[in-house]
Amino acid sequence: MKQTPKSRRVYCAAACMAVAVAASPAGSQGYPPSQRGTVTQNVAFTEISVTYGRPVARGRELFGALVPWDSVWHPGADSATRVTFNHDVLLEGKPLRAGEYTLWLIPREHAPWTVIVSRAAHVFHKPYPGARFEVLRVDVTPEQVSPVESFAIYFPTVLRAEAVMRLHWGTTAVPIRIKAPFLPGIIE
């Protein structure tokens, strides 16, 4: 079969596409099972930014199975969930200085869950960096809510200098109450 200039161009274009797809991460490894997510919320004059992995339930039993009770768990997937506050805040009534942190949880079957804020800001989700990096621990009561397939962090309530940041997966949500004082230096 004789090749024409047009058929050679089509062949070259097809070969280049095949090489490009095979060399790309999506072509060679597939899409990551947990996509990355970000959310940024202003509360009064404070900007709160969260970067996290979004694991998918895929029909699995979540809390008490995939995520064991009474063990430190990082809410998300892959790199630890990072939260940044550009001003000092109150988290569940406790002072937290401006900065970049990671979030960790201890889920409990019949008791409030513990939220841990760690200054180990650029770490993977395992192993837990340890108590020496902890800057704050607070207990919160989880809520039973409508199900979501992919883990989500969002702010369902923002009112003046107060907000609720919700960590939500399956039918369980963990609300974290945040106050952002209007004036710098209020938190001592």
C-alpha atoms as a PDB file:
ATOM      1  CA  MET A   1       0.000   0.000   0.000  1.00  0.00           C
ATOM      2  CA  LYS A   2       1.388   3.336  -1.040  1.00  0.00           C
ATOM      3  CA  GLN A   3       1.468   6.079   1.598  1.00  0.00           C
ATOM      4  CA  THR A   4       0.356   9.539   0.619  1.00  0.00           C
ATOM      5  CA  PRO A   5       1.554  12.674   2.372  1.00  0.00           C
ATOM      6  CA  LYS A   6      -1.875  12.959   3.997  1.00  0.00           C
ATOM      7  CA  SER A   7      -1.822   9.346   5.297  1.00  0.00           C
ATOM      8  CA  ARG A   8       1.715   9.885   6.662  1.00  0.00           C
ATOM      9  CA  ARG A   9       0.535  12.987   8.583  1.00  0.00           C
ATOM     10  CA  VAL A  10      -2.416  11.068  10.027  1.00  0.00           C
ATOM     11  CA  TYR A  11      -0.114   8.168  10.996  1.00  0.00           C
ATOM     12  CA  CYS A  12       2.410  10.562  12.628  1.00  0.00           C
ATOM     13  CA  ALA A  13      -0.340  12.403  14.511  1.00  0.00           C
ATOM     14  CA  ALA A  14      -1.778   9.105  15.801  1.00  0.00           C
ATOM     15  CA  ALA A  15       1.677   7.881  16.870  1.00  0.00           C
ATOM     16  CA  CYS A  16       2.413  11.151  18.683  1.00  0.00           C
ATOM     17  CA  MET A  17      -0.930  10.965  20.522  1.00  0.00           C
ATOM     18  CA  ALA A  18      -0.239   7.378  21.595  1.00  0.00           C
ATOM     19  CA  VAL A  19       3.187   8.315  22.952  1.00  0.00           C
ATOM     20  CA  ALA A  20       1.815  11.391  24.766  1.00  0.00           C
ATOM     21  CA  VAL A  21      -0.996   9.422  26.430  1.00  0.00           C
ATOM     22  CA  ALA A  22       1.317   6.568  27.426  1.00  0.00           C
ATOM     23  CA  ALA A  23       3.845   9.005  28.908  1.00  0.00           C
ATOM     24  CA  SER A  24       1.282  11.009  30.908  1.00  0.00           C
ATOM     25  CA  PRO A  25       0.484  10.095  34.528  1.00  0.00           C
ATOM     26  CA  ALA A  26      -3.185   9.581  33.623  1.00  0.00           C
ATOM     27  CA  GLY A  27      -2.303   7.157  30.827  1.00  0.00           C
ATOM     28  CA  SER A  28       0.308   5.144  32.713  1.00  0.00           C
ATOM     29  CA  GLN A  29      -1.126   5.099  36.247  1.00  0.00           C
ATOM     30  CA  GLY A  30      -4.793   5.981  35.915  1.00  0.00           C
ATOM     31  CA  TYR A  31      -6.494   8.727  37.852  1.00  0.00           C
ATOM     32  CA  PRO A  32      -5.767   8.934  41.579  1.00  0.00           C
ATOM     33  CA  PRO A  33      -8.506   7.236  43.617  1.00  0.00           C
ATOM     34  CA  SER A  34      -8.706  10.279  45.926  1.00  0.00           C
ATOM     35  CA  GLN A  35      -8.817  13.687  44.278  1.00  0.00           C
ATOM     36  CA  ARG A  36      -7.382  16.780  45.985  1.00  0.00           C
ATOM     37  CA  GLY A  37      -9.741  19.473  47.242  1.00  0.00           C
ATOM     38  CA  THR A  38      -9.405  22.985  48.614  1.00  0.00           C
ATOM     39  CA  VAL A  39     -11.733  25.372  50.377  1.00  0.00           C
ATOM     40  CA  THR A  40     -11.085  28.932  51.493  1.00  0.00           C
ATOM     41  CA  GLN A  41     -13.417  30.891  53.739  1.00  0.00           C
ATOM     42  CA  ASN A  42     -13.171  34.405  55.141  1.00  0.00           C
ATOM     43  CA  VAL A  43     -14.507  34.774  58.660  1.00  0.00           C
ATOM     44  CA  ALA A  44     -14.498  38.446  59.655  1.00  0.00           C
ATOM     45  CA  PHE A  45     -10.955  39.521  58.695  1.00  0.00           C
ATOM     46  CA  THR A  46      -9.465  36.038  58.920  1.00  0.00           C
ATOM     47  CA  GLU A  47      -8.857  33.819  55.909  1.00  0.00           C
ATOM     48  CA  ILE A  48      -9.080  30.073  56.540  1.00  0.00           C
ATOM     49  CA  SER A  49      -7.685  27.793  53.816  1.00  0.00           C
ATOM     50  CA  VAL A  50      -7.924  24.007  53.783  1.00  0.00           C
ATOM     51  CA  THR A  51      -6.166  21.604  51.387  1.00  0.00           C
ATOM     52  CA  TYR A  52      -7.085  17.930  51.634  1.00  0.00           C
ATOM     53  CA  GLY A  53      -7.494  14.589  49.887  1.00  0.00           C
ATOM     54  CA  ARG A  54     -11.053  13.408  49.161  1.00  0.00           C
ATOM     55  CA  PRO A  55     -11.342   9.650  49.698  1.00  0.00           C
ATOM     56  CA  VAL A  56     -14.402   7.954  48.226  1.00  0.00           C
ATOM     57  CA  ALA A  57     -16.605   5.603  50.274  1.00  0.00           C
ATOM     58  CA  ARG A  58     -17.213   3.147  47.365  1.00  0.00           C
ATOM     59  CA  GLY A  59     -19.740   1.160  49.398  1.00  0.00           C
ATOM     60  CA  ARG A  60     -17.342   0.522  52.281  1.00  0.00           C
ATOM     61  CA  GLU A  61     -18.327   0.768  55.931  1.00  0.00           C
ATOM     62  CA  LEU A  62     -16.418   3.804  57.133  1.00  0.00           C
ATOM     63  CA  PHE A  63     -16.245   4.522  60.862  1.00  0.00           C
ATOM     64  CA  GLY A  64     -15.577   1.552  63.102  1.00  0.00           C
ATOM     65  CA  ALA A  65     -14.332  -0.456  60.092  1.00  0.00           C
ATOM     66  CA  LEU A  66     -12.149   1.312  57.490  1.00  0.00           C
ATOM     67  CA  VAL A  67     -11.456   4.034  60.087  1.00  0.00           C
ATOM     68  CA  PRO A  68     -11.048   2.275  63.465  1.00  0.00           C
ATOM     69  CA  TRP A  69     -12.497   3.661  66.665  1.00  0.00           C
ATOM     70  CA  ASP A  70     -10.166   5.192  69.267  1.00  0.00           C
ATOM     71  CA  SER A  71      -7.161   5.574  66.924  1.00  0.00           C
ATOM     72  CA  VAL A  72      -5.655   8.733  65.441  1.00  0.00           C
ATOM     73  CA  TRP A  73      -6.986   9.199  61.902  1.00  0.00           C
ATOM     74  CA  HIS A  74      -6.156  11.895  59.412  1.00  0.00           C
ATOM     75  CA  PRO A  75      -9.378  13.181  57.819  1.00  0.00           C
ATOM     76  CA  GLY A  76      -8.691  12.858  54.123  1.00  0.00           C
ATOM     77  CA  ALA A  77      -6.287  10.878  51.951  1.00  0.00           C
ATOM     78  CA  ASP A  78      -2.629  10.939  50.959  1.00  0.00           C
ATOM     79  CA  SER A  79      -0.960  14.129  52.256  1.00  0.00           C
ATOM     80  CA  ALA A  80      -2.270  15.178  55.661  1.00  0.00           C
ATOM     81  CA  THR A  81      -5.102  17.703  55.639  1.00  0.00           C
ATOM     82  CA  ARG A  82      -3.581  21.176  55.938  1.00  0.00           C
ATOM     83  CA  VAL A  83      -5.378  24.206  57.384  1.00  0.00           C
ATOM     84  CA  THR A  84      -4.033  27.748  57.428  1.00  0.00           C
ATOM     85  CA  PHE A  85      -5.275  30.709  59.468  1.00  0.00           C
ATOM     86  CA  ASN A  86      -3.872  34.142  58.609  1.00  0.00           C
ATOM     87  CA  HIS A  87      -4.946  35.556  62.015  1.00  0.00           C
ATOM     88  CA  ASP A  88      -5.338  34.098  65.499  1.00  0.00           C
ATOM     89  CA  VAL A  89      -8.656  32.278  66.076  1.00  0.00           C
ATOM     90  CA  LEU A  90     -10.589  30.395  68.723  1.00  0.00           C
ATOM     91  CA  LEU A  91     -11.248  26.745  67.880  1.00  0.00           C
ATOM     92  CA  GLU A  92     -14.047  25.367  70.046  1.00  0.00           C
ATOM     93  CA  GLY A  93     -13.305  28.232  72.438  1.00  0.00           C
ATOM     94  CA  LYS A  94      -9.556  27.487  72.682  1.00  0.00           C
ATOM     95  CA  PRO A  95      -6.936  29.924  71.321  1.00  0.00           C
ATOM     96  CA  LEU A  96      -4.985  28.984  68.196  1.00  0.00           C
ATOM     97  CA  ARG A  97      -2.284  31.240  66.761  1.00  0.00           C
ATOM     98  CA  ALA A  98      -2.167  32.170  63.095  1.00  0.00           C
ATOM     99  CA  GLY A  99      -0.215  29.624  61.064  1.00  0.00           C
ATOM    100  CA  GLU A 100      -0.276  26.453  59.007  1.00  0.00           C
ATOM    101  CA  TYR A 101      -1.276  23.170  60.659  1.00  0.00           C
ATOM    102  CA  THR A 102      -2.523  19.661  59.946  1.00  0.00           C
ATOM    103  CA  LEU A 103      -5.785  18.215  61.264  1.00  0.00           C
ATOM    104  CA  TRP A 104      -6.169  14.803  62.880  1.00  0.00           C
ATOM    105  CA  LEU A 105      -9.137  13.100  64.541  1.00  0.00           C
ATOM    106  CA  ILE A 106      -9.736  10.359  67.077  1.00  0.00           C
ATOM    107  CA  PRO A 107     -13.171   8.915  66.222  1.00  0.00           C
ATOM    108  CA  ARG A 108     -15.107   7.298  69.055  1.00  0.00           C
ATOM    109  CA  GLU A 109     -18.151   5.096  68.844  1.00  0.00           C
ATOM    110  CA  HIS A 110     -20.062   6.379  71.890  1.00  0.00           C
ATOM    111  CA  ALA A 111     -18.259   9.566  72.935  1.00  0.00           C
ATOM    112  CA  PRO A 112     -17.188  12.928  71.489  1.00  0.00           C
ATOM    113  CA  TRP A 113     -14.419  12.810  68.903  1.00  0.00           C
ATOM    114  CA  THR A 114     -11.083  14.503  69.514  1.00  0.00           C
ATOM    115  CA  VAL A 115      -9.808  17.037  66.974  1.00  0.00           C
ATOM    116  CA  ILE A 116      -6.024  17.420  67.037  1.00  0.00           C
ATOM    117  CA  VAL A 117      -4.219  20.402  65.509  1.00  0.00           C
ATOM    118  CA  SER A 118      -0.559  19.671  64.733  1.00  0.00           C
ATOM    119  CA  ARG A 119       2.205  22.064  63.709  1.00  0.00           C
ATOM    120  CA  ALA A 120       3.676  19.260  61.520  1.00  0.00           C
ATOM    121  CA  ALA A 121       2.271  20.968  58.428  1.00  0.00           C
ATOM    122  CA  HIS A 122       3.833  19.118  55.480  1.00  0.00           C
ATOM    123  CA  VAL A 123       3.505  15.412  56.265  1.00  0.00           C
ATOM    124  CA  PHE A 124       1.915  12.341  54.763  1.00  0.00           C
ATOM    125  CA  HIS A 125      -1.242  10.893  56.338  1.00  0.00           C
ATOM    126  CA  LYS A 126       0.711   8.038  57.946  1.00  0.00           C
ATOM    127  CA  PRO A 127       2.345   7.747  60.388  1.00  0.00           C
ATOM    128  CA  TYR A 128       0.863  10.265  62.822  1.00  0.00           C
ATOM    129  CA  PRO A 129       3.653  12.801  63.542  1.00  0.00           C
ATOM    130  CA  GLY A 130       3.128  12.476  67.289  1.00  0.00           C
ATOM    131  CA  ALA A 131       2.112  14.385  70.384  1.00  0.00           C
ATOM    132  CA  ARG A 132       5.275  16.530  70.383  1.00  0.00           C
ATOM    133  CA  PHE A 133       3.856  18.483  67.392  1.00  0.00           C
ATOM    134  CA  GLU A 134       0.370  18.983  68.864  1.00  0.00           C
ATOM    135  CA  VAL A 135      -0.715  22.543  69.576  1.00  0.00           C
ATOM    136  CA  LEU A 136      -4.364  21.911  70.416  1.00  0.00           C
ATOM    137  CA  ARG A 137      -6.838  19.140  71.265  1.00  0.00           C
ATOM    138  CA  VAL A 138     -10.586  19.736  71.489  1.00  0.00           C
ATOM    139  CA  ASP A 139     -13.541  17.375  71.748  1.00  0.00           C
ATOM    140  CA  VAL A 140     -16.532  17.702  69.418  1.00  0.00           C
ATOM    141  CA  THR A 141     -19.731  15.717  69.065  1.00  0.00           C
ATOM    142  CA  PRO A 142     -20.234  14.231  65.588  1.00  0.00           C
ATOM    143  CA  GLU A 143     -23.572  14.624  63.821  1.00  0.00           C
ATOM    144  CA  GLN A 144     -25.561  12.173  61.700  1.00  0.00           C
ATOM    145  CA  VAL A 145     -26.309  13.871  58.373  1.00  0.00           C
ATOM    146  CA  SER A 146     -27.280  13.094  54.780  1.00  0.00           C
ATOM    147  CA  PRO A 147     -24.685  10.870  53.102  1.00  0.00           C
ATOM    148  CA  VAL A 148     -21.856  12.047  50.860  1.00  0.00           C
ATOM    149  CA  GLU A 149     -19.756   9.655  48.795  1.00  0.00           C
ATOM    150  CA  SER A 150     -16.522  11.720  48.721  1.00  0.00           C
ATOM    151  CA  PHE A 151     -15.063  13.186  51.903  1.00  0.00           C
ATOM    152  CA  ALA A 152     -15.764  16.934  52.058  1.00  0.00           C
ATOM    153  CA  ILE A 153     -14.734  19.901  54.172  1.00  0.00           C
ATOM    154  CA  TYR A 154     -16.953  22.962  53.966  1.00  0.00           C
ATOM    155  CA  PHE A 155     -18.375  25.886  55.936  1.00  0.00           C
ATOM    156  CA  PRO A 156     -22.174  25.499  56.241  1.00  0.00           C
ATOM    157  CA  THR A 157     -22.461  28.431  58.667  1.00  0.00           C
ATOM    158  CA  VAL A 158     -20.592  31.741  58.506  1.00  0.00           C
ATOM    159  CA  LEU A 159     -21.970  34.650  60.518  1.00  0.00           C
ATOM    160  CA  ARG A 160     -19.896  37.779  61.178  1.00  0.00           C
ATOM    161  CA  ALA A 161     -16.899  36.565  63.216  1.00  0.00           C
ATOM    162  CA  GLU A 162     -18.053  32.952  63.695  1.00  0.00           C
ATOM    163  CA  ALA A 163     -18.189  29.893  61.480  1.00  0.00           C
ATOM    164  CA  VAL A 164     -18.601  26.142  61.525  1.00  0.00           C
ATOM    165  CA  MET A 165     -16.133  24.091  59.529  1.00  0.00           C
ATOM    166  CA  ARG A 166     -17.663  20.681  58.817  1.00  0.00           C
ATOM    167  CA  LEU A 167     -15.696  17.503  58.028  1.00  0.00           C
ATOM    168  CA  HIS A 168     -18.201  15.175  56.341  1.00  0.00           C
ATOM    169  CA  TRP A 169     -17.952  11.601  55.044  1.00  0.00           C
ATOM    170  CA  GLY A 170     -20.687   9.050  54.653  1.00  0.00           C
ATOM    171  CA  THR A 171     -23.438   9.966  57.121  1.00  0.00           C
ATOM    172  CA  THR A 172     -21.065  11.402  59.745  1.00  0.00           C
ATOM    173  CA  ALA A 173     -20.084  15.061  60.073  1.00  0.00           C
ATOM    174  CA  VAL A 174     -17.725  16.642  62.580  1.00  0.00           C
ATOM    175  CA  PRO A 175     -18.520  20.326  63.192  1.00  0.00           C
ATOM    176  CA  ILE A 176     -15.646  22.514  64.388  1.00  0.00           C
ATOM    177  CA  ARG A 177     -16.686  25.916  65.708  1.00  0.00           C
ATOM    178  CA  ILE A 178     -14.331  28.777  64.861  1.00  0.00           C
ATOM    179  CA  LYS A 179     -14.366  32.355  66.136  1.00  0.00           C
ATOM    180  CA  ALA A 180     -12.256  34.993  64.430  1.00  0.00           C
ATOM    181  CA  PRO A 181     -12.071  38.104  66.602  1.00  0.00           C
ATOM    182  CA  PHE A 182     -12.358  41.397  64.732  1.00  0.00           C
ATOM    183  CA  LEU A 183      -9.320  42.931  66.364  1.00  0.00           C
ATOM    184  CA  PRO A 184      -5.787  41.506  66.135  1.00  0.00           C
ATOM    185  CA  GLY A 185      -4.148  40.607  69.411  1.00  0.00           C
ATOM    186  CA  ILE A 186      -7.382  39.680  71.222  1.00  0.00           C
ATOM    187  CA  ILE A 187      -6.169  36.149  71.835  1.00  0.00           C
ATOM    188  CA  GLU A 188      -3.626  36.060  74.635  1.00  0.00           C
END
